[in-house]
Protein backbone atom coordinates (compact mmCIF):
# COMPACT_ATOMS: atom_id res chain seq x y z
CA MET A 1 -62.28 -39.09 49.93
CA PRO A 2 -65.95 -39.41 51.13
CA ILE A 3 -68.12 -43.04 51.66
CA THR A 4 -70.36 -43.77 49.55
CA PRO A 5 -74.08 -44.30 50.65
CA ASP A 6 -73.62 -48.22 49.32
CA TYR A 7 -71.43 -48.61 52.41
CA LEU A 8 -74.23 -47.71 54.88
CA LEU A 9 -76.73 -50.08 53.59
CA SER A 10 -74.87 -53.07 55.46
CA VAL A 11 -75.54 -50.91 58.91
CA GLY A 12 -78.12 -52.55 61.16
CA ILE A 13 -79.62 -50.82 64.10
CA LEU A 14 -80.10 -53.76 66.94
CA THR A 15 -83.00 -53.36 69.17
CA ASP A 16 -83.76 -55.68 72.26
CA GLN A 17 -87.13 -57.75 72.37
CA TYR A 18 -89.18 -54.71 73.45
CA GLU A 19 -87.77 -53.26 70.12
CA GLU A 20 -85.70 -50.42 72.04
CA PRO A 21 -82.47 -49.51 70.70
CA ILE A 22 -79.52 -51.06 72.23
CA GLY A 23 -76.68 -50.63 69.31
CA SER A 24 -75.45 -51.20 66.13
CA GLY A 25 -73.82 -54.00 63.88
CA PHE A 26 -73.46 -54.45 60.02
CA ALA A 27 -74.17 -57.43 57.53
CA ALA A 28 -71.25 -59.27 56.40
CA PHE A 29 -70.42 -62.36 54.19
CA VAL A 30 -67.82 -64.76 53.40
CA HIS A 31 -67.31 -67.51 50.26
CA GLY A 32 -67.73 -70.88 50.80
CA SER A 33 -64.89 -73.21 49.87
CA PRO A 34 -64.49 -75.14 47.64
CA ASN A 35 -67.81 -73.91 46.12
CA ARG A 36 -67.33 -69.96 46.12
CA SER A 37 -70.61 -69.65 44.41
CA ARG A 38 -72.23 -69.66 47.59
CA SER A 39 -71.57 -67.11 50.49
CA TYR A 40 -72.73 -67.34 53.81
CA GLY A 41 -73.90 -64.17 55.73
CA TYR A 42 -73.49 -62.80 59.40
CA ILE A 43 -74.58 -59.77 61.59
CA VAL A 44 -71.67 -59.05 63.39
CA THR A 45 -71.45 -56.21 66.58
CA ALA A 46 -69.83 -55.96 70.17
CA ALA A 47 -70.31 -58.97 72.37
CA HIS A 48 -71.49 -56.66 75.35
CA VAL A 49 -74.39 -55.23 73.11
CA VAL A 50 -75.99 -58.78 72.79
CA GLU A 51 -74.48 -60.30 75.77
CA ASN A 52 -77.64 -60.16 78.19
CA GLU A 53 -80.26 -59.85 75.21
CA PRO A 54 -82.07 -63.13 74.32
CA VAL A 55 -83.33 -62.35 71.42
CA VAL A 56 -82.11 -59.22 69.23
CA GLY A 57 -84.02 -57.16 66.49
CA VAL A 58 -81.78 -56.12 63.56
CA LYS A 59 -83.08 -53.63 61.05
CA PHE A 60 -81.39 -52.39 57.79
CA ARG A 61 -82.65 -50.03 55.47
CA ARG A 62 -82.43 -50.72 51.92
CA SER A 63 -81.62 -48.42 48.95
CA ASP A 64 -85.33 -48.31 48.18
CA GLY A 65 -86.39 -47.06 51.63
CA THR A 66 -87.76 -50.46 52.69
CA ILE A 67 -86.64 -51.75 56.13
CA VAL A 68 -85.76 -55.68 56.44
CA SER A 69 -86.11 -57.40 59.86
CA HIS A 70 -84.29 -60.42 61.52
CA ALA A 71 -84.63 -61.81 64.80
CA ALA A 72 -80.89 -62.90 65.90
CA MET A 73 -80.77 -65.43 68.67
CA ASP A 74 -77.49 -67.84 67.89
CA TRP A 75 -75.05 -65.10 68.90
CA VAL A 76 -71.58 -66.39 69.20
CA PRO A 77 -68.97 -64.64 71.22
CA HIS A 78 -65.28 -64.40 70.41
CA ASP A 79 -63.28 -66.02 73.22
CA VAL A 80 -60.80 -63.36 74.01
CA TYR A 81 -62.50 -60.18 72.56
CA ASP A 82 -65.55 -57.63 72.65
CA VAL A 83 -67.43 -58.91 69.33
CA ALA A 84 -70.01 -61.30 68.42
CA ALA A 85 -72.02 -62.79 65.45
CA ALA A 86 -75.05 -64.49 64.64
CA PRO A 87 -76.30 -66.28 61.32
CA LEU A 88 -77.96 -63.83 58.95
CA PRO A 89 -80.99 -65.33 57.54
CA SER A 90 -82.30 -65.35 53.63
CA PRO A 91 -84.36 -62.84 53.29
CA GLU A 92 -87.01 -62.30 50.41
CA LYS A 93 -85.18 -58.89 50.24
CA PRO A 94 -81.60 -59.30 50.93
CA VAL A 95 -79.65 -57.06 52.23
CA TYR A 96 -76.17 -55.46 51.17
CA ALA A 97 -73.14 -56.95 53.11
CA LEU A 98 -69.66 -56.50 53.10
CA PRO A 99 -67.14 -59.01 52.17
CA LEU A 100 -64.68 -60.36 55.03
CA ASP A 101 -62.41 -62.36 52.76
CA GLN A 102 -61.15 -59.38 50.77
CA MET A 103 -61.28 -55.46 51.12
CA THR A 104 -60.14 -55.35 54.76
CA ILE A 105 -57.15 -53.95 56.25
CA ASP A 106 -55.22 -57.21 56.07
CA THR A 107 -55.85 -57.70 52.90
CA MET A 108 -53.92 -55.36 51.22
CA ASP A 109 -50.58 -56.69 50.98
CA GLY A 110 -49.03 -54.60 53.70
CA HIS A 111 -49.94 -51.35 52.43
CA LEU A 112 -51.30 -49.63 55.74
CA PRO A 113 -52.67 -46.38 56.39
CA GLN A 114 -50.87 -43.42 57.50
CA LEU A 115 -51.50 -42.12 60.91
CA GLY A 116 -53.91 -38.87 60.58
CA THR A 117 -55.87 -40.54 57.56
CA PRO A 118 -59.68 -40.05 57.89
CA VAL A 119 -61.62 -42.82 59.64
CA TYR A 120 -65.59 -43.29 59.00
CA TYR A 121 -68.25 -45.36 61.14
CA ALA A 122 -71.56 -45.66 61.17
CA GLY A 123 -74.12 -46.77 63.38
CA LEU A 124 -76.53 -45.79 66.09
CA PHE A 125 -77.18 -42.09 66.86
CA ASP A 126 -79.31 -42.63 70.07
CA PRO A 127 -80.88 -39.22 71.13
CA GLY A 128 -82.14 -39.82 67.57
CA LYS A 129 -85.22 -42.11 68.17
CA SER A 130 -87.00 -41.15 64.85
CA LEU A 131 -83.72 -42.38 62.76
CA SER A 132 -83.50 -45.55 64.65
CA LYS A 133 -87.04 -46.47 63.99
CA LEU A 134 -86.55 -45.73 60.41
CA ALA A 135 -83.12 -48.00 60.95
CA ILE A 136 -81.31 -44.79 59.22
CA PRO A 137 -77.50 -45.28 60.80
CA VAL A 138 -75.52 -41.87 61.36
CA LEU A 139 -72.05 -41.65 59.53
CA ARG A 140 -69.28 -40.04 61.83
CA SER A 141 -65.56 -39.58 61.30
CA GLY A 142 -62.13 -39.30 62.94
CA THR A 143 -58.70 -39.40 62.14
CA LEU A 144 -56.58 -42.61 62.59
CA ALA A 145 -54.45 -42.17 65.90
CA ALA A 146 -52.93 -45.43 66.38
CA LEU A 147 -52.53 -48.73 64.48
CA TYR A 148 -52.21 -52.03 66.18
CA ALA A 149 -51.70 -50.17 69.63
CA PRO A 150 -51.53 -52.00 73.25
CA VAL A 151 -54.69 -50.66 75.51
CA ASP A 152 -55.25 -51.18 78.85
CA ARG A 153 -58.42 -52.55 79.33
CA GLU A 154 -60.58 -51.00 82.31
CA PRO A 155 -61.83 -53.36 85.04
CA PRO A 156 -62.74 -55.98 85.48
CA ASP A 157 -61.42 -57.22 82.37
CA LYS A 158 -57.70 -55.63 83.60
CA THR A 159 -56.18 -57.28 79.96
CA ILE A 160 -54.09 -55.55 77.35
CA ASP A 161 -55.54 -55.64 73.81
CA THR A 162 -54.53 -54.65 70.48
CA LEU A 163 -56.58 -52.08 69.13
CA HIS A 164 -56.90 -49.60 66.73
CA LEU A 165 -57.45 -46.07 68.20
CA LEU A 166 -59.37 -43.02 66.84
CA ASP A 167 -59.19 -39.48 67.60
CA CYS A 168 -62.95 -38.67 67.33
CA ARG A 169 -66.39 -37.97 68.96
CA SER A 170 -68.56 -41.02 69.67
CA TYR A 171 -71.58 -41.74 71.50
CA ALA A 172 -73.54 -44.44 73.05
CA GLY A 173 -75.18 -46.67 70.31
CA PHE A 174 -72.40 -46.82 68.08
CA SER A 175 -70.76 -49.87 69.44
CA GLY A 176 -70.66 -52.54 67.11
CA SER A 177 -70.65 -49.88 64.08
CA PRO A 178 -68.27 -51.10 61.24
CA CYS A 179 -65.32 -48.75 60.61
CA TRP A 180 -63.78 -48.28 57.45
CA ILE A 181 -60.79 -46.47 56.13
CA GLN A 182 -59.01 -45.17 52.51
CA VAL A 183 -55.66 -47.04 51.71
CA PHE A 184 -53.40 -45.70 48.78
CA TYR A 185 -53.11 -48.86 47.09
CA PRO A 186 -51.10 -49.64 43.81
CA GLY A 187 -52.72 -50.57 40.91
CA PRO A 188 -51.36 -51.87 37.45
CA ARG A 189 -48.33 -49.18 35.75
CA MET A 190 -49.55 -46.91 33.43
CA ASP A 191 -47.74 -47.51 30.10
CA ALA A 192 -45.52 -44.81 28.92
CA ASP A 193 -46.87 -44.36 25.59
CA TRP A 194 -49.96 -43.24 27.47
CA LEU A 195 -48.09 -40.22 29.12
CA PRO A 196 -47.99 -36.73 28.02
CA PRO A 197 -44.87 -36.02 25.88
CA TYR A 198 -43.34 -34.03 28.37
CA LEU A 199 -43.25 -36.88 31.04
CA ALA A 200 -42.99 -39.65 28.43
CA ASP A 201 -38.91 -39.71 28.91
CA LEU A 202 -39.03 -39.65 32.84
CA GLU A 203 -39.05 -43.42 33.65
CA ASP A 204 -39.66 -42.90 37.48
CA VAL A 205 -43.01 -40.90 36.61
CA ALA A 206 -44.20 -43.53 33.84
CA ASP A 207 -43.48 -46.04 36.55
CA GLN A 208 -45.58 -43.93 39.24
CA ILE A 209 -48.23 -42.77 37.29
CA GLY A 210 -51.60 -44.60 37.10
CA ARG A 211 -50.40 -46.84 40.16
CA MET A 212 -51.47 -45.65 43.31
CA TYR A 213 -55.44 -45.34 43.66
CA TRP A 214 -57.97 -44.93 46.93
CA VAL A 215 -59.45 -48.17 48.23
CA THR A 216 -61.99 -47.77 50.85
CA VAL A 217 -61.52 -51.20 53.15
CA LEU A 218 -62.89 -52.36 56.85
CA LEU A 219 -60.65 -51.18 59.42
CA GLY A 220 -62.43 -52.86 62.23
CA VAL A 221 -65.20 -53.16 64.76
CA PHE A 222 -65.95 -49.59 66.86
CA ILE A 223 -66.59 -51.11 70.37
CA GLU A 224 -65.87 -48.22 72.71
CA HIS A 225 -64.51 -44.98 73.59
CA TYR A 226 -61.89 -44.02 76.38
CA THR A 227 -63.82 -42.15 79.20
CA HIS A 228 -61.97 -40.07 82.03
CA ASP A 229 -63.01 -40.07 85.78
CA ASP A 230 -62.39 -37.12 87.64
CA GLY A 231 -62.32 -38.88 90.89
CA LYS A 232 -65.76 -37.61 92.03
CA GLY A 233 -67.81 -40.36 90.36
CA LEU A 234 -68.15 -38.57 86.81
CA ALA A 235 -66.54 -39.96 83.63
CA SER A 236 -66.33 -37.93 80.62
CA ASN A 237 -65.29 -38.53 76.85
CA VAL A 238 -62.11 -38.14 75.99
CA GLY A 239 -62.39 -37.70 72.46
CA MET A 240 -60.97 -41.45 71.74
CA GLY A 241 -62.60 -44.38 70.30
CA MET A 242 -61.31 -48.01 70.17
CA VAL A 243 -61.48 -50.07 67.03
CA LEU A 244 -61.23 -53.96 67.33
CA PRO A 245 -58.72 -55.02 64.28
CA ILE A 246 -61.10 -56.95 61.63
CA GLU A 247 -58.95 -59.65 61.86
CA HIS A 248 -60.47 -60.94 64.99
CA VAL A 249 -63.77 -60.74 63.66
CA ARG A 250 -62.71 -63.31 60.88
CA ASP A 251 -61.30 -65.56 63.59
CA LEU A 252 -64.45 -65.16 65.19
CA LEU A 253 -65.98 -66.64 61.96
CA ASN A 254 -63.96 -69.46 61.60
CA LYS A 255 -64.96 -70.77 64.86
CA LYS A 256 -66.53 -74.50 64.73
CA GLU A 257 -69.85 -73.28 65.47
CA PHE A 258 -70.16 -71.58 62.16
CA ALA A 259 -67.38 -73.49 60.27
CA ASP A 260 -69.60 -76.73 60.69
CA MET A 261 -72.66 -75.28 59.63
CA ARG A 262 -70.80 -74.00 56.16
CA ASP A 263 -69.42 -77.50 56.16
CA GLU A 264 -73.02 -78.98 56.10
CA ASP A 265 -74.15 -76.84 53.34
CA GLN A 266 -71.10 -77.42 51.07
CA ALA A 267 -71.71 -80.75 51.31
CA LYS A 268 -75.57 -80.39 50.22
CA HIS A 269 -74.32 -78.18 47.24
CA PRO A 270 -71.25 -79.28 45.66
CA ASP A 271 -69.87 -77.25 43.08
CA ARG A 272 -71.21 -78.94 40.00
CA LYS A 273 -69.46 -76.98 37.55
CA ARG A 274 -66.15 -76.93 38.94
CA ALA A 275 -66.83 -81.30 39.09
CA LYS A 276 -67.77 -81.30 35.43
CA ARG A 277 -64.34 -79.23 34.28
CA GLU A 278 -62.45 -81.81 35.97
CA GLN A 279 -64.10 -84.74 34.36
CA THR A 280 -64.38 -82.82 31.02
CA SER A 281 -60.79 -81.68 31.36
CA VAL A 282 -58.26 -83.24 28.54
CA PRO A 283 -55.49 -85.11 30.05
CA ARG A 284 -52.21 -83.06 29.92
CA GLU A 285 -49.26 -84.56 28.58
CA PRO A 286 -46.38 -85.38 30.98
CA GLU A 287 -43.93 -82.55 31.95
CA PHE A 288 -40.64 -83.02 29.95
CA THR A 289 -38.17 -82.03 32.72
CA ARG A 290 -34.64 -81.34 32.30
CA ASP A 291 -33.64 -84.94 34.34
CA ASP A 292 -35.45 -86.44 31.34
CA PHE A 293 -33.43 -84.63 28.98
CA LEU A 294 -30.50 -85.63 30.35
CA SER A 295 -31.09 -89.36 30.99
CA ASP A 296 -32.19 -89.62 27.05
CA LEU A 297 -28.90 -87.77 26.06
CA THR A 298 -27.01 -90.33 28.22
CA LYS A 299 -28.94 -93.03 26.47
CA VAL A 300 -28.47 -91.87 22.70
CA THR A 301 -24.52 -91.43 23.73
CA ARG A 302 -24.35 -95.00 24.77
CA ARG A 303 -25.59 -96.46 21.67
CA GLU A 304 -23.70 -94.50 19.40
CA GLU A 305 -20.29 -95.22 21.19
CA SER A 306 -18.25 -97.87 19.19
CA PRO A 307 -16.47 -100.75 20.45
CA GLU A 308 -13.11 -99.15 19.98
CA GLN A 309 -14.41 -96.20 22.20
CA GLU A 310 -15.21 -98.58 24.50
CA GLY A 311 -11.83 -100.35 24.50
C-alpha cells in the first residue's frame, strides 16, 4: 500500500545558520498526562545532524503549499543513541505531527511486520537544491531486512546497537528521516450474517474475514547507511540502511528536560472537565461482595436457631 501525502507533511528540512540544508527531521507529539486534551510537539532528528550546529532551521511544507519555518536551539540528545529532539513552538500555522504514543511499531500488541515488507522514509534529497528550498521532502522505499538486529557501529563508537536494517538506496541528507512500515493488524470480527451464503457455514472463514487490515506505523528514525571501505580510502554505499527503533525516541522525550516542561504546563492547565466530572459524579453504592453475603447468611442462621438446637 502506498504512503498518503499527509505523512510527508510531518517531514521537515533542516538547515544550518546559513540556511544550507544539513539533514532531515520530523514533527511528533505526545499527549499530556493527566490532561490529555493538551499535546506537546517536538522536532526529532539524528543527533549527529545537529550536534555541531548552534542554531538549526526547520522548514515544513503545508498542504496548501505554504512553508512554516522554525528556529530550533534547545536540542536534547539521547544519552546513548543517535537521536535528538527539540520542542516544537506553537506557530500561527501549525504543522502536521505524528503521534508517538500510538501508531508506532511497539504499540501494535506484538503484531510485528514480516521481513521483506516494504518500508518508506522521506527527507532531504541533497542534490535537489530546489526541492530543499521549497521544503519538499522526497519519499524513498526499501524492504525490511532485519528487525531489532545487533549492529556493530564503526569507530569511534565501537558499540553494538539494536537497530532495524533496510535493504534500500539512501543518500546523504536522509539522516533523521521518519521511517514507516505497514503492519497487518487485527480489527473487529465480522459477523457471519454479513458473509455470503456460500461462506456463512465456514466458522474459520467467518472468524478471519474482516479481522485484518493494513496499518501504517512509525518504525523509527533513519540514522545512516552502511558503507564499505575498499582499503584504498574509497567508501561505497552497500545498500543497507540503519533505523533506530522508535522506542528510543519515546525514551528521549521522557527525559527530565522534557518531562519537567510538560509537568509545568500541566500544572498551569488542569483538566477542568475531568475535575468537574469528579465533583458532580454520584457516589456509587458500596459493592456487595461474596464475603458480605456469607457473613449476612451466618447472622441470619444464628438468629433462627432455637434453644433446643443450640443445646
